[in-house]
C-alpha atoms as a PDB file:
ATOM      1  CA  MET A   1      20.182  -8.012  25.762  1.00  0.00           C
ATOM      2  CA  GLY A   2      17.089  -5.989  24.827  1.00  0.00           C
ATOM      3  CA  PRO A   3      13.409  -6.939  25.074  1.00  0.00           C
ATOM      4  CA  THR A   4      11.979  -9.974  23.288  1.00  0.00           C
ATOM      5  CA  ILE A   5       8.936  -8.025  22.062  1.00  0.00           C
ATOM      6  CA  LEU A   6       9.986  -5.186  19.788  1.00  0.00           C
ATOM      7  CA  ASP A   7       6.652  -3.781  18.570  1.00  0.00           C
ATOM      8  CA  VAL A   8       2.898  -4.414  18.835  1.00  0.00           C
ATOM      9  CA  ARG A   9       0.314  -3.191  16.349  1.00  0.00           C
ATOM     10  CA  PRO A  10      -3.382  -3.896  15.717  1.00  0.00           C
ATOM     11  CA  LEU A  11      -4.330  -5.940  12.679  1.00  0.00           C
ATOM     12  CA  GLY A  12      -5.981  -3.800  10.029  1.00  0.00           C
ATOM     13  CA  PHE A  13      -6.962  -4.451   6.428  1.00  0.00           C
ATOM     14  CA  PRO A  14      -4.451  -5.231   5.091  1.00  0.00           C
ATOM     15  CA  TRP A  15      -2.025  -6.287   7.806  1.00  0.00           C
ATOM     16  CA  GLU A  16       1.101  -4.173   8.147  1.00  0.00           C
ATOM     17  CA  THR A  17       4.329  -6.035   7.424  1.00  0.00           C
ATOM     18  CA  VAL A  18       8.036  -5.263   7.417  1.00  0.00           C
ATOM     19  CA  ASP A  19      10.719  -5.662   4.748  1.00  0.00           C
ATOM     20  CA  PRO A  20      10.926  -7.981   2.777  1.00  0.00           C
ATOM     21  CA  PHE A  21       7.111  -8.234   2.933  1.00  0.00           C
ATOM     22  CA  LEU A  22       4.809  -5.504   1.638  1.00  0.00           C
ATOM     23  CA  PHE A  23       1.520  -6.533   3.261  1.00  0.00           C
ATOM     24  CA  CYS A  24      -0.762  -9.456   4.032  1.00  0.00           C
ATOM     25  CA  VAL A  25      -4.527  -9.636   3.479  1.00  0.00           C
ATOM     26  CA  HIS A  26      -6.776 -12.130   5.264  1.00  0.00           C
ATOM     27  CA  HIS A  27      -9.973 -12.861   3.342  1.00  0.00           C
ATOM     28  CA  LYS A  28     -12.643 -14.802   5.246  1.00  0.00           C
ATOM     29  CA  ASP A  29     -16.052 -14.880   3.571  1.00  0.00           C
ATOM     30  CA  GLY A  30     -19.160 -16.951   4.217  1.00  0.00           C
ATOM     31  CA  TYR A  31     -20.570 -17.132   0.694  1.00  0.00           C
ATOM     32  CA  PRO A  32     -24.009 -18.745   0.350  1.00  0.00           C
ATOM     33  CA  SER A  33     -24.871 -21.485  -2.139  1.00  0.00           C
ATOM     34  CA  GLY A  34     -24.071 -20.680  -5.766  1.00  0.00           C
ATOM     35  CA  ASN A  35     -26.424 -20.213  -8.700  1.00  0.00           C
ATOM     36  CA  GLY A  36     -25.002 -23.018 -10.849  1.00  0.00           C
ATOM     37  CA  ARG A  37     -22.884 -20.519 -12.796  1.00  0.00           C
ATOM     38  CA  LEU A  38     -20.314 -20.228  -9.997  1.00  0.00           C
ATOM     39  CA  GLY A  39     -21.748 -16.967  -8.706  1.00  0.00           C
ATOM     40  CA  LEU A  40     -24.773 -15.415  -7.049  1.00  0.00           C
ATOM     41  CA  GLU A  41     -28.113 -14.227  -8.417  1.00  0.00           C
ATOM     42  CA  LYS A  42     -28.947 -10.508  -8.388  1.00  0.00           C
ATOM     43  CA  ALA A  43     -31.336 -10.915  -5.471  1.00  0.00           C
ATOM     44  CA  ALA A  44     -28.468 -12.050  -3.246  1.00  0.00           C
ATOM     45  CA  LEU A  45     -26.404  -9.029  -4.296  1.00  0.00           C
ATOM     46  CA  ALA A  46     -28.921  -6.276  -3.598  1.00  0.00           C
ATOM     47  CA  GLY A  47     -27.542  -3.227  -1.855  1.00  0.00           C
ATOM     48  CA  ARG A  48     -23.909  -3.862  -2.734  1.00  0.00           C
ATOM     49  CA  ASN A  49     -21.575  -1.550  -4.604  1.00  0.00           C
ATOM     50  CA  LEU A  50     -20.709  -4.194  -7.174  1.00  0.00           C
ATOM     51  CA  GLY A  51     -17.256  -3.784  -8.636  1.00  0.00           C
ATOM     52  CA  MET A  52     -15.994  -2.303  -5.354  1.00  0.00           C
ATOM     53  CA  ASP A  53     -17.650  -4.263  -2.551  1.00  0.00           C
ATOM     54  CA  PHE A  54     -15.558  -4.670   0.588  1.00  0.00           C
ATOM     55  CA  SER A  55     -18.605  -4.323   2.829  1.00  0.00           C
ATOM     56  CA  ALA A  56     -18.639  -7.796   4.454  1.00  0.00           C
ATOM     57  CA  LYS A  57     -22.429  -7.439   4.329  1.00  0.00           C
ATOM     58  CA  SER A  58     -24.134 -10.688   5.424  1.00  0.00           C
ATOM     59  CA  GLY A  59     -20.688 -12.111   6.135  1.00  0.00           C
ATOM     60  CA  PHE A  60     -19.055 -11.739   2.735  1.00  0.00           C
ATOM     61  CA  SER A  61     -17.707  -9.265   0.190  1.00  0.00           C
ATOM     62  CA  MET A  62     -17.775  -9.470  -3.596  1.00  0.00           C
ATOM     63  CA  TYR A  63     -14.570  -7.394  -3.902  1.00  0.00           C
ATOM     64  CA  HIS A  64     -14.295  -6.401  -7.585  1.00  0.00           C
ATOM     65  CA  GLY A  65     -16.530  -9.201  -8.850  1.00  0.00           C
ATOM     66  CA  HIS A  66     -20.062  -8.674 -10.154  1.00  0.00           C
ATOM     67  CA  MET A  67     -21.585 -12.170 -10.103  1.00  0.00           C
ATOM     68  CA  VAL A  68     -18.610 -14.307  -9.130  1.00  0.00           C
ATOM     69  CA  PRO A  69     -16.669 -12.806  -6.206  1.00  0.00           C
ATOM     70  CA  GLY A  70     -13.001 -12.040  -6.580  1.00  0.00           C
ATOM     71  CA  PHE A  71     -10.545  -9.872  -8.452  1.00  0.00           C
ATOM     72  CA  PRO A  72     -10.972  -9.649 -12.254  1.00  0.00           C
ATOM     73  CA  ARG A  73      -7.980  -8.934 -14.451  1.00  0.00           C
ATOM     74  CA  HIS A  74      -5.410  -6.521 -13.052  1.00  0.00           C
ATOM     75  CA  PRO A  75      -1.663  -5.965 -13.588  1.00  0.00           C
ATOM     76  CA  HIS A  76       1.367  -6.417 -11.327  1.00  0.00           C
ATOM     77  CA  ARG A  77       5.059  -5.620 -11.637  1.00  0.00           C
ATOM     78  CA  GLY A  78       8.078  -5.820  -9.346  1.00  0.00           C
ATOM     79  CA  PHE A  79       7.022  -8.155  -6.518  1.00  0.00           C
ATOM     80  CA  GLU A  80       5.440 -11.524  -5.711  1.00  0.00           C
ATOM     81  CA  THR A  81       2.059 -12.723  -4.482  1.00  0.00           C
ATOM     82  CA  VAL A  82       1.791 -15.744  -2.206  1.00  0.00           C
ATOM     83  CA  SER A  83      -1.855 -16.905  -2.098  1.00  0.00           C
ATOM     84  CA  ILE A  84      -2.688 -19.439   0.623  1.00  0.00           C
ATOM     85  CA  ALA A  85      -6.130 -20.910  -0.093  1.00  0.00           C
ATOM     86  CA  ARG A  86      -7.220 -22.442   3.209  1.00  0.00           C
ATOM     87  CA  ARG A  87     -10.912 -22.975   2.363  1.00  0.00           C
ATOM     88  CA  GLY A  88     -12.802 -22.646  -0.902  1.00  0.00           C
ATOM     89  CA  PHE A  89     -11.191 -22.298  -4.323  1.00  0.00           C
ATOM     90  CA  ILE A  90      -9.437 -19.712  -6.477  1.00  0.00           C
ATOM     91  CA  ASP A  91      -9.594 -19.661 -10.282  1.00  0.00           C
ATOM     92  CA  HIS A  92      -6.443 -18.090 -11.740  1.00  0.00           C
ATOM     93  CA  SER A  93      -5.999 -16.882 -15.343  1.00  0.00           C
ATOM     94  CA  ASP A  94      -3.205 -14.685 -16.663  1.00  0.00           C
ATOM     95  CA  SER A  95      -1.803 -12.815 -19.645  1.00  0.00           C
ATOM     96  CA  LEU A  96       0.720 -15.579 -20.380  1.00  0.00           C
ATOM     97  CA  GLY A  97      -2.100 -18.041 -21.033  1.00  0.00           C
ATOM     98  CA  ALA A  98      -1.551 -19.863 -17.756  1.00  0.00           C
ATOM     99  CA  THR A  99      -4.491 -20.909 -15.630  1.00  0.00           C
ATOM    100  CA  ALA A 100      -5.301 -22.865 -12.480  1.00  0.00           C
ATOM    101  CA  ARG A 101      -7.892 -23.834  -9.895  1.00  0.00           C
ATOM    102  CA  PHE A 102      -6.519 -24.350  -6.419  1.00  0.00           C
ATOM    103  CA  GLY A 103      -7.832 -24.533  -2.869  1.00  0.00           C
ATOM    104  CA  GLN A 104      -8.164 -26.574   0.316  1.00  0.00           C
ATOM    105  CA  GLY A 105      -4.674 -25.727   1.560  1.00  0.00           C
ATOM    106  CA  ASP A 106      -2.933 -25.171  -1.785  1.00  0.00           C
ATOM    107  CA  VAL A 107      -0.630 -22.194  -2.325  1.00  0.00           C
ATOM    108  CA  GLN A 108       0.085 -20.288  -5.524  1.00  0.00           C
ATOM    109  CA  TRP A 109       3.354 -18.357  -5.515  1.00  0.00           C
ATOM    110  CA  MET A 110       3.548 -15.889  -8.392  1.00  0.00           C
ATOM    111  CA  THR A 111       6.523 -13.760  -9.398  1.00  0.00           C
ATOM    112  CA  ALA A 112       5.127 -10.762 -11.288  1.00  0.00           C
ATOM    113  CA  GLY A 113       8.601  -9.658 -12.387  1.00  0.00           C
ATOM    114  CA  ARG A 114       8.565  -7.346 -15.403  1.00  0.00           C
ATOM    115  CA  GLY A 115       4.803  -7.538 -15.651  1.00  0.00           C
ATOM    116  CA  ILE A 116       1.808  -9.827 -15.695  1.00  0.00           C
ATOM    117  CA  VAL A 117      -1.950  -9.434 -15.781  1.00  0.00           C
ATOM    118  CA  HIS A 118      -4.047 -11.968 -13.898  1.00  0.00           C
ATOM    119  CA  SER A 119      -7.460 -12.556 -12.417  1.00  0.00           C
ATOM    120  CA  GLU A 120      -8.288 -14.285  -9.135  1.00  0.00           C
ATOM    121  CA  MET A 121     -11.917 -15.352  -8.916  1.00  0.00           C
ATOM    122  CA  PHE A 122     -13.631 -17.279  -6.132  1.00  0.00           C
ATOM    123  CA  PRO A 123     -15.971 -19.808  -7.803  1.00  0.00           C
ATOM    124  CA  LEU A 124     -18.992 -20.837  -5.752  1.00  0.00           C
ATOM    125  CA  LEU A 125     -19.030 -24.516  -6.647  1.00  0.00           C
ATOM    126  CA  GLU A 126     -21.679 -25.691  -4.190  1.00  0.00           C
ATOM    127  CA  THR A 127     -25.297 -25.112  -5.185  1.00  0.00           C
ATOM    128  CA  GLU A 128     -26.971 -26.822  -2.206  1.00  0.00           C
ATOM    129  CA  THR A 129     -24.693 -25.733   0.641  1.00  0.00           C
ATOM    130  CA  ASP A 130     -22.647 -22.686   1.598  1.00  0.00           C
ATOM    131  CA  ASN A 131     -19.311 -21.821  -0.004  1.00  0.00           C
ATOM    132  CA  PRO A 132     -16.962 -20.633   2.756  1.00  0.00           C
ATOM    133  CA  LEU A 133     -13.711 -19.069   1.603  1.00  0.00           C
ATOM    134  CA  GLU A 134     -10.594 -18.280   3.598  1.00  0.00           C
ATOM    135  CA  MET A 135      -7.285 -17.196   2.126  1.00  0.00           C
ATOM    136  CA  PHE A 136      -4.225 -15.148   2.842  1.00  0.00           C
ATOM    137  CA  GLN A 137      -2.486 -13.149   0.162  1.00  0.00           C
ATOM    138  CA  ILE A 138       0.994 -12.017   1.048  1.00  0.00           C
ATOM    139  CA  TRP A 139       2.969  -9.563  -1.045  1.00  0.00           C
ATOM    140  CA  LEU A 140       6.707 -10.289  -0.957  1.00  0.00           C
ATOM    141  CA  ASN A 141       9.038  -7.724  -2.455  1.00  0.00           C
ATOM    142  CA  LEU A 142      11.718  -8.426  -5.060  1.00  0.00           C
ATOM    143  CA  PRO A 143      15.193  -6.886  -4.986  1.00  0.00           C
ATOM    144  CA  SER A 144      16.010  -4.456  -7.781  1.00  0.00           C
ATOM    145  CA  ALA A 145      18.058  -7.105  -9.608  1.00  0.00           C
ATOM    146  CA  SER A 146      14.944  -9.305  -9.936  1.00  0.00           C
ATOM    147  CA  LYS A 147      12.159  -6.799 -10.507  1.00  0.00           C
ATOM    148  CA  MET A 148      12.233  -7.231 -14.286  1.00  0.00           C
ATOM    149  CA  VAL A 149      12.628 -11.029 -14.501  1.00  0.00           C
ATOM    150  CA  GLU A 150      10.229 -13.126 -16.543  1.00  0.00           C
ATOM    151  CA  PRO A 151       6.894 -13.724 -14.766  1.00  0.00           C
ATOM    152  CA  HIS A 152       6.462 -17.175 -13.262  1.00  0.00           C
ATOM    153  CA  PHE A 153       4.192 -19.046 -10.898  1.00  0.00           C
ATOM    154  CA  SER A 154       4.653 -22.195  -8.865  1.00  0.00           C
ATOM    155  CA  MET A 155       1.897 -24.341  -7.389  1.00  0.00           C
ATOM    156  CA  LEU A 156       2.576 -25.608  -3.893  1.00  0.00           C
ATOM    157  CA  TRP A 157      -0.095 -28.282  -3.617  1.00  0.00           C
ATOM    158  CA  SER A 158      -1.326 -28.965  -0.098  1.00  0.00           C
ATOM    159  CA  GLU A 159      -0.045 -32.546  -0.235  1.00  0.00           C
ATOM    160  CA  THR A 160       3.509 -31.243  -0.700  1.00  0.00           C
ATOM    161  CA  ILE A 161       3.494 -28.595   2.054  1.00  0.00           C
ATOM    162  CA  PRO A 162       4.943 -30.023   5.267  1.00  0.00           C
ATOM    163  CA  SER A 163       3.540 -29.505   8.742  1.00  0.00           C
ATOM    164  CA  ARG A 164       4.892 -30.500  12.119  1.00  0.00           C
ATOM    165  CA  THR A 165       2.913 -31.144  15.300  1.00  0.00           C
ATOM    166  CA  THR A 166       4.589 -30.927  18.682  1.00  0.00           C
ATOM    167  CA  ARG A 167       3.100 -31.691  22.087  1.00  0.00           C
ATOM    168  CA  ASP A 168       4.033 -29.916  25.280  1.00  0.00           C
ATOM    169  CA  ASP A 169       4.493 -31.562  28.668  1.00  0.00           C
ATOM    170  CA  ALA A 170       0.717 -31.542  29.187  1.00  0.00           C
ATOM    171  CA  GLY A 171       0.100 -33.274  25.845  1.00  0.00           C
ATOM    172  CA  LYS A 172      -1.343 -30.142  24.183  1.00  0.00           C
ATOM    173  CA  SER A 173      -0.513 -29.820  20.485  1.00  0.00           C
ATOM    174  CA  THR A 174       0.784 -27.042  18.259  1.00  0.00           C
ATOM    175  CA  THR A 175       0.785 -27.609  14.486  1.00  0.00           C
ATOM    176  CA  VAL A 176       2.961 -25.498  12.202  1.00  0.00           C
ATOM    177  CA  THR A 177       2.501 -25.579   8.416  1.00  0.00           C
ATOM    178  CA  VAL A 178       5.676 -24.534   6.600  1.00  0.00           C
ATOM    179  CA  VAL A 179       4.768 -22.676   3.396  1.00  0.00           C
ATOM    180  CA  ALA A 180       8.244 -21.146   3.124  1.00  0.00           C
ATOM    181  CA  GLY A 181      11.454 -21.791   4.991  1.00  0.00           C
ATOM    182  CA  THR A 182      12.317 -24.624   7.342  1.00  0.00           C
ATOM    183  CA  LEU A 183      11.277 -25.751  10.803  1.00  0.00           C
ATOM    184  CA  ASP A 184      13.311 -28.565  12.308  1.00  0.00           C
ATOM    185  CA  ASP A 185      13.271 -31.254   9.591  1.00  0.00           C
ATOM    186  CA  ALA A 186      10.314 -29.729   7.702  1.00  0.00           C
ATOM    187  CA  VAL A 187      11.453 -28.039   4.480  1.00  0.00           C
ATOM    188  CA  ALA A 188       8.937 -26.100   2.397  1.00  0.00           C
ATOM    189  CA  PRO A 189       8.601 -26.692  -1.366  1.00  0.00           C
ATOM    190  CA  ALA A 190      10.886 -24.544  -3.497  1.00  0.00           C
ATOM    191  CA  PRO A 191       9.591 -21.037  -4.277  1.00  0.00           C
ATOM    192  CA  PRO A 192       9.892 -19.597  -7.798  1.00  0.00           C
ATOM    193  CA  PRO A 193      13.515 -19.373  -8.967  1.00  0.00           C
ATOM    194  CA  HIS A 194      13.866 -15.582  -8.813  1.00  0.00           C
ATOM    195  CA  SER A 195      12.065 -15.129  -5.503  1.00  0.00           C
ATOM    196  CA  TRP A 196      13.842 -13.416  -2.631  1.00  0.00           C
ATOM    197  CA  ALA A 197      12.909 -16.584  -0.744  1.00  0.00           C
ATOM    198  CA  SER A 198      14.993 -18.674  -3.167  1.00  0.00           C
ATOM    199  CA  ASP A 199      18.156 -17.146  -1.688  1.00  0.00           C
ATOM    200  CA  PRO A 200      18.954 -19.186   1.448  1.00  0.00           C
ATOM    201  CA  ARG A 201      20.611 -16.140   3.009  1.00  0.00           C
ATOM    202  CA  ALA A 202      17.221 -14.396   2.986  1.00  0.00           C
ATOM    203  CA  ASP A 203      15.869 -16.868   5.577  1.00  0.00           C
ATOM    204  CA  VAL A 204      12.272 -16.221   4.457  1.00  0.00           C
ATOM    205  CA  ALA A 205       9.651 -17.974   6.574  1.00  0.00           C
ATOM    206  CA  ILE A 206       5.900 -18.173   6.019  1.00  0.00           C
ATOM    207  CA  TRP A 207       4.278 -20.389   8.644  1.00  0.00           C
ATOM    208  CA  THR A 208       0.689 -20.891   9.748  1.00  0.00           C
ATOM    209  CA  VAL A 209       0.188 -22.133  13.290  1.00  0.00           C
ATOM    210  CA  ALA A 210      -2.738 -23.749  15.098  1.00  0.00           C
ATOM    211  CA  MET A 211      -2.580 -24.212  18.884  1.00  0.00           C
ATOM    212  CA  GLU A 212      -4.896 -26.270  21.052  1.00  0.00           C
ATOM    213  CA  PRO A 213      -6.419 -24.590  24.102  1.00  0.00           C
ATOM    214  CA  GLY A 214      -3.763 -24.369  26.794  1.00  0.00           C
ATOM    215  CA  ALA A 215      -0.921 -25.409  24.485  1.00  0.00           C
ATOM    216  CA  THR A 216       2.580 -24.007  24.862  1.00  0.00           C
ATOM    217  CA  TRP A 217       5.216 -23.786  22.135  1.00  0.00           C
ATOM    218  CA  ALA A 218       8.726 -22.394  21.948  1.00  0.00           C
ATOM    219  CA  MET A 219       9.219 -20.746  18.549  1.00  0.00           C
ATOM    220  CA  PRO A 220      12.864 -21.349  17.640  1.00  0.00           C
ATOM    221  CA  PRO A 221      15.188 -18.447  16.851  1.00  0.00           C
ATOM    222  CA  ALA A 222      15.900 -17.332  13.286  1.00  0.00           C
ATOM    223  CA  ALA A 223      19.194 -16.709  11.531  1.00  0.00           C
ATOM    224  CA  PRO A 224      21.092 -13.534  12.454  1.00  0.00           C
ATOM    225  CA  GLY A 225      19.775 -10.436  10.716  1.00  0.00           C
ATOM    226  CA  THR A 226      16.283 -11.858  10.169  1.00  0.00           C
ATOM    227  CA  GLY A 227      13.055 -10.085  11.159  1.00  0.00           C
ATOM    228  CA  ARG A 228      10.075 -12.001  12.517  1.00  0.00           C
ATOM    229  CA  THR A 229       6.457 -11.052  13.240  1.00  0.00           C
ATOM    230  CA  ILE A 230       3.649 -13.078  14.829  1.00  0.00           C
ATOM    231  CA  TYR A 231       0.138 -12.279  13.525  1.00  0.00           C
ATOM    232  CA  PHE A 232      -2.482 -13.458  16.046  1.00  0.00           C
ATOM    233  CA  PHE A 233      -5.678 -13.459  13.994  1.00  0.00           C
ATOM    234  CA  ALA A 234      -7.987 -16.092  15.535  1.00  0.00           C
ATOM    235  CA  GLY A 235      -8.622 -17.286  19.060  1.00  0.00           C
ATOM    236  CA  GLY A 236      -9.107 -15.703  22.454  1.00  0.00           C
ATOM    237  CA  SER A 237      -5.914 -14.775  24.260  1.00  0.00           C
ATOM    238  CA  LEU A 238      -2.277 -15.634  23.863  1.00  0.00           C
ATOM    239  CA  GLY A 239       0.839 -15.197  25.955  1.00  0.00           C
ATOM    240  CA  ILE A 240       3.947 -14.169  24.021  1.00  0.00           C
ATOM    241  CA  ALA A 241       7.221 -13.884  25.936  1.00  0.00           C
ATOM    242  CA  GLY A 242       5.287 -13.404  29.159  1.00  0.00           C
ATOM    243  CA  ARG A 243       2.882 -10.720  27.889  1.00  0.00           C
ATOM    244  CA  LYS A 244      -0.801 -11.406  27.333  1.00  0.00           C
ATOM    245  CA  PHE A 245      -2.524 -10.389  24.094  1.00  0.00           C
ATOM    246  CA  GLU A 246      -6.055 -10.616  22.749  1.00  0.00           C
ATOM    247  CA  LYS A 247      -6.533 -11.678  19.138  1.00  0.00           C
ATOM    248  CA  GLY A 248      -6.109  -9.072  16.417  1.00  0.00           C
ATOM    249  CA  VAL A 249      -2.497  -8.027  16.978  1.00  0.00           C
ATOM    250  CA  ALA A 250       0.832  -8.225  15.182  1.00  0.00           C
ATOM    251  CA  VAL A 251       3.755  -8.784  17.526  1.00  0.00           C
ATOM    252  CA  ARG A 252       7.260  -8.219  16.196  1.00  0.00           C
ATOM    253  CA  VAL A 253       9.818 -10.179  18.215  1.00  0.00           C
ATOM    254  CA  ASP A 254      13.567 -10.461  18.586  1.00  0.00           C
ATOM    255  CA  PRO A 255      14.396 -13.158  16.024  1.00  0.00           C
ATOM    256  CA  GLN A 256      17.563 -14.192  17.844  1.00  0.00           C
ATOM    257  CA  ARG A 257      15.645 -15.705  20.747  1.00  0.00           C
ATOM    258  CA  ALA A 258      13.373 -18.664  21.198  1.00  0.00           C
ATOM    259  CA  VAL A 259       9.966 -17.148  21.990  1.00  0.00           C
ATOM    260  CA  ALA A 260       7.656 -18.806  24.497  1.00  0.00           C
ATOM    261  CA  ILE A 261       4.021 -18.805  23.301  1.00  0.00           C
ATOM    262  CA  GLU A 262       1.240 -19.885  25.661  1.00  0.00           C
ATOM    263  CA  ASN A 263      -2.289 -20.271  24.340  1.00  0.00           C
ATOM    264  CA  GLY A 264      -5.438 -19.351  26.238  1.00  0.00           C
ATOM    265  CA  ASP A 265      -8.628 -21.384  26.527  1.00  0.00           C
ATOM    266  CA  GLU A 266      -9.619 -21.323  22.817  1.00  0.00           C
ATOM    267  CA  VAL A 267      -8.008 -22.700  19.689  1.00  0.00           C
ATOM    268  CA  SER A 268      -5.672 -19.982  18.419  1.00  0.00           C
ATOM    269  CA  GLU A 269      -4.300 -19.443  14.933  1.00  0.00           C
ATOM    270  CA  LEU A 270      -1.259 -17.450  13.912  1.00  0.00           C
ATOM    271  CA  VAL A 271       0.650 -16.469  10.811  1.00  0.00           C
ATOM    272  CA  ILE A 272       4.379 -16.011  11.266  1.00  0.00           C
ATOM    273  CA  LEU A 273       6.350 -14.034   8.674  1.00  0.00           C
ATOM    274  CA  GLY A 274      10.094 -13.680   8.751  1.00  0.00           C
ATOM    275  CA  GLY A 275      13.007 -12.842   6.523  1.00  0.00           C
ATOM    276  CA  ARG A 276      16.096 -10.764   5.981  1.00  0.00           C
ATOM    277  CA  ALA A 277      15.246  -7.254   4.796  1.00  0.00           C
ATOM    278  CA  ILE A 278      16.009  -6.422   1.166  1.00  0.00           C
ATOM    279  CA  GLY A 279      16.983  -2.958   2.367  1.00  0.00           C
ATOM    280  CA  GLU A 280      16.241  -1.033  -0.823  1.00  0.00           C
ATOM    281  CA  PRO A 281      13.969   1.975  -1.450  1.00  0.00           C
ATOM    282  CA  VAL A 282      10.329   1.062  -2.106  1.00  0.00           C
ATOM    283  CA  ALA A 283       8.177   3.023  -4.536  1.00  0.00           C
ATOM    284  CA  GLN A 284       4.647   1.671  -4.760  1.00  0.00           C
ATOM    285  CA  GLU A 285       1.561   2.820  -6.578  1.00  0.00           C
ATOM    286  CA  GLY A 286      -1.374   0.462  -6.829  1.00  0.00           C
ATOM    287  CA  PRO A 287      -0.279  -2.827  -8.404  1.00  0.00           C
ATOM    288  CA  PHE A 288       3.325  -1.810  -9.116  1.00  0.00           C
ATOM    289  CA  VAL A 289       6.234  -1.946  -6.653  1.00  0.00           C
ATOM    290  CA  MET A 290       9.581  -0.601  -7.824  1.00  0.00           C
ATOM    291  CA  ASN A 291      12.525   1.315  -6.340  1.00  0.00           C
ATOM    292  CA  THR A 292      11.913   4.793  -7.756  1.00  0.00           C
ATOM    293  CA  ARG A 293       9.054   7.011  -8.835  1.00  0.00           C
ATOM    294  CA  THR A 294      10.502   7.056 -12.358  1.00  0.00           C
ATOM    295  CA  GLU A 295      10.251   3.259 -12.522  1.00  0.00           C
ATOM    296  CA  ILE A 296       6.616   3.452 -11.413  1.00  0.00           C
ATOM    297  CA  LEU A 297       5.838   5.856 -14.251  1.00  0.00           C
ATOM    298  CA  GLU A 298       7.636   3.519 -16.657  1.00  0.00           C
ATOM    299  CA  ALA A 299       5.512   0.631 -15.407  1.00  0.00           C
ATOM    300  CA  PHE A 300       2.293   2.512 -16.149  1.00  0.00           C
ATOM    301  CA  ALA A 301       3.593   3.512 -19.583  1.00  0.00           C
ATOM    302  CA  ASP A 302       4.660  -0.048 -20.386  1.00  0.00           C
ATOM    303  CA  PHE A 303       1.310  -1.412 -19.314  1.00  0.00           C
ATOM    304  CA  ARG A 304      -0.567   1.102 -21.475  1.00  0.00           C
ATOM    305  CA  GLU A 305       1.614   0.200 -24.469  1.00  0.00           C
ATOM    306  CA  THR A 306       1.917  -3.578 -24.141  1.00  0.00           C
ATOM    307  CA  GLY A 307      -0.777  -4.739 -21.734  1.00  0.00           C
ATOM    308  CA  PHE A 308       1.969  -6.978 -20.310  1.00  0.00           C
ATOM    309  CA  GLY A 309       1.214  -9.546 -22.972  1.00  0.00           C
ATOM    310  CA  GLY A 310      -2.459  -8.897 -23.654  1.00  0.00           C
ATOM    311  CA  TRP A 311      -5.414 -10.895 -22.400  1.00  0.00           C
ATOM    312  CA  PRO A 312      -6.204 -14.242 -24.088  1.00  0.00           C
ATOM    313  CA  TRP A 313      -9.475 -14.878 -22.216  1.00  0.00           C
ATOM    314  CA  LYS A 314     -13.047 -14.134 -23.295  1.00  0.00           C
ATOM    315  CA  ASN A 315     -13.836 -11.840 -20.379  1.00  0.00           C
ATOM    316  CA  ASP A 316     -12.167 -10.031 -17.502  1.00  0.00           C
ATOM    317  CA  ALA A 317     -13.258 -12.545 -14.864  1.00  0.00           C
ATOM    318  CA  PRO A 318     -12.858 -16.050 -16.313  1.00  0.00           C
ATOM    319  CA  VAL A 319     -13.815 -19.094 -14.252  1.00  0.00           C
ATOM    320  CA  HIS A 320     -13.383 -22.774 -15.000  1.00  0.00           C
ATOM    321  CA  GLU A 321     -15.955 -25.522 -15.363  1.00  0.00           C
ATOM    322  CA  PRO A 322     -17.649 -26.568 -12.098  1.00  0.00           C
ATOM    323  CA  GLY A 323     -16.184 -30.071 -12.258  1.00  0.00           C
ATOM    324  CA  ALA A 324     -12.658 -29.030 -13.245  1.00  0.00           C
ATOM    325  CA  GLY A 325     -11.027 -30.039  -9.956  1.00  0.00           C
ATOM    326  CA  ARG A 326      -7.643 -28.766  -8.822  1.00  0.00           C
ATOM    327  CA  PHE A 327      -5.223 -28.195 -11.684  1.00  0.00           C
ATOM    328  CA  ALA A 328      -2.685 -25.836 -13.160  1.00  0.00           C
ATOM    329  CA  VAL A 329      -1.607 -25.155 -16.736  1.00  0.00           C
ATOM    330  CA  HIS A 330       1.643 -23.210 -16.900  1.00  0.00           C
ATOM    331  CA  ALA A 331       2.714 -20.753 -19.565  1.00  0.00           C
ATOM    332  CA  ASN A 332       4.912 -23.414 -21.205  1.00  0.00           C
ATOM    333  CA  GLY A 333       1.940 -25.784 -21.480  1.00  0.00           C
ATOM    334  CA  ARG A 334       2.941 -28.026 -18.567  1.00  0.00           C
ATOM    335  CA  ARG A 335      -0.183 -29.338 -16.858  1.00  0.00           C
ATOM    336  CA  GLU A 336      -0.609 -30.467 -13.273  1.00  0.00           C
ATOM    337  CA  GLU A 337      -3.665 -32.347 -12.042  1.00  0.00           C
ATOM    338  CA  ARG A 338      -4.740 -33.047  -8.467  1.00  0.00           C
ATOM    339  CA  SER A 339      -7.694 -35.033  -7.205  1.00  0.00           C
END
């Protein structure tokens, strides 16, 4: 039997992933108090290249936002976005008329399919205190048979996402939150119907892991033919299958083995991504992911002609009322409310 550790790479921006994933981005921003209009005043934005600010100046970036940070309207086709909002909030609006505010552990799973335009803004709700934001956005590919399905999003509210805490022989805990897939008796909420993750043979797993200092955990093996990568993004040091790593690495492991993970003397946090490869050609340009260059050109032409349904909102970066709370309105008018 070969080695348990198959590959080790540094974490960049975005993180490198393997089929069926396209990439993962970790946003962690320490936004200051807001101006009462869910953004920042000009004085707080001095010296930034607004509209394209990935500087992390003073501990945060504005990304493509001008007053409210975030990502104003932009198109997608041919893949899925999985947005895990760990801290702060995200205001979603799209070309189908759907909209949402989610955060504090909620996950939005969006199938772009044949084409959708959406915005993802980060409203700064607090006017007297800071507005920290932390999120992961994972791009999950679609097989060719599903690339042109109807767009759809599902809300996985934090209250519905299972987690499991285990304690080792020394009483140290490891907590795994199961966004996709299963772990022991923990079964994640259903992904969108046309997702690669909706096929049980795909064995897709998206887990976030928090380990106490000194904790040990045996990650169970995956189904045959599944890939699995451990992203060690926060903490000090970590032992994986007997090798020591400092934070900031992606470790691809043999999925057929249980993998011994031993934490160092700080709290450590991991993201674990796994799944069976789709195994098809990938052609990607900007926001479109298809199988051929011809299909990419068709995507651009379709977007120019149709706008993927137009844009029903008053501006490119809509945000909701400060007191709106967590909610979602789907394209069919179905409304979900959370406290």
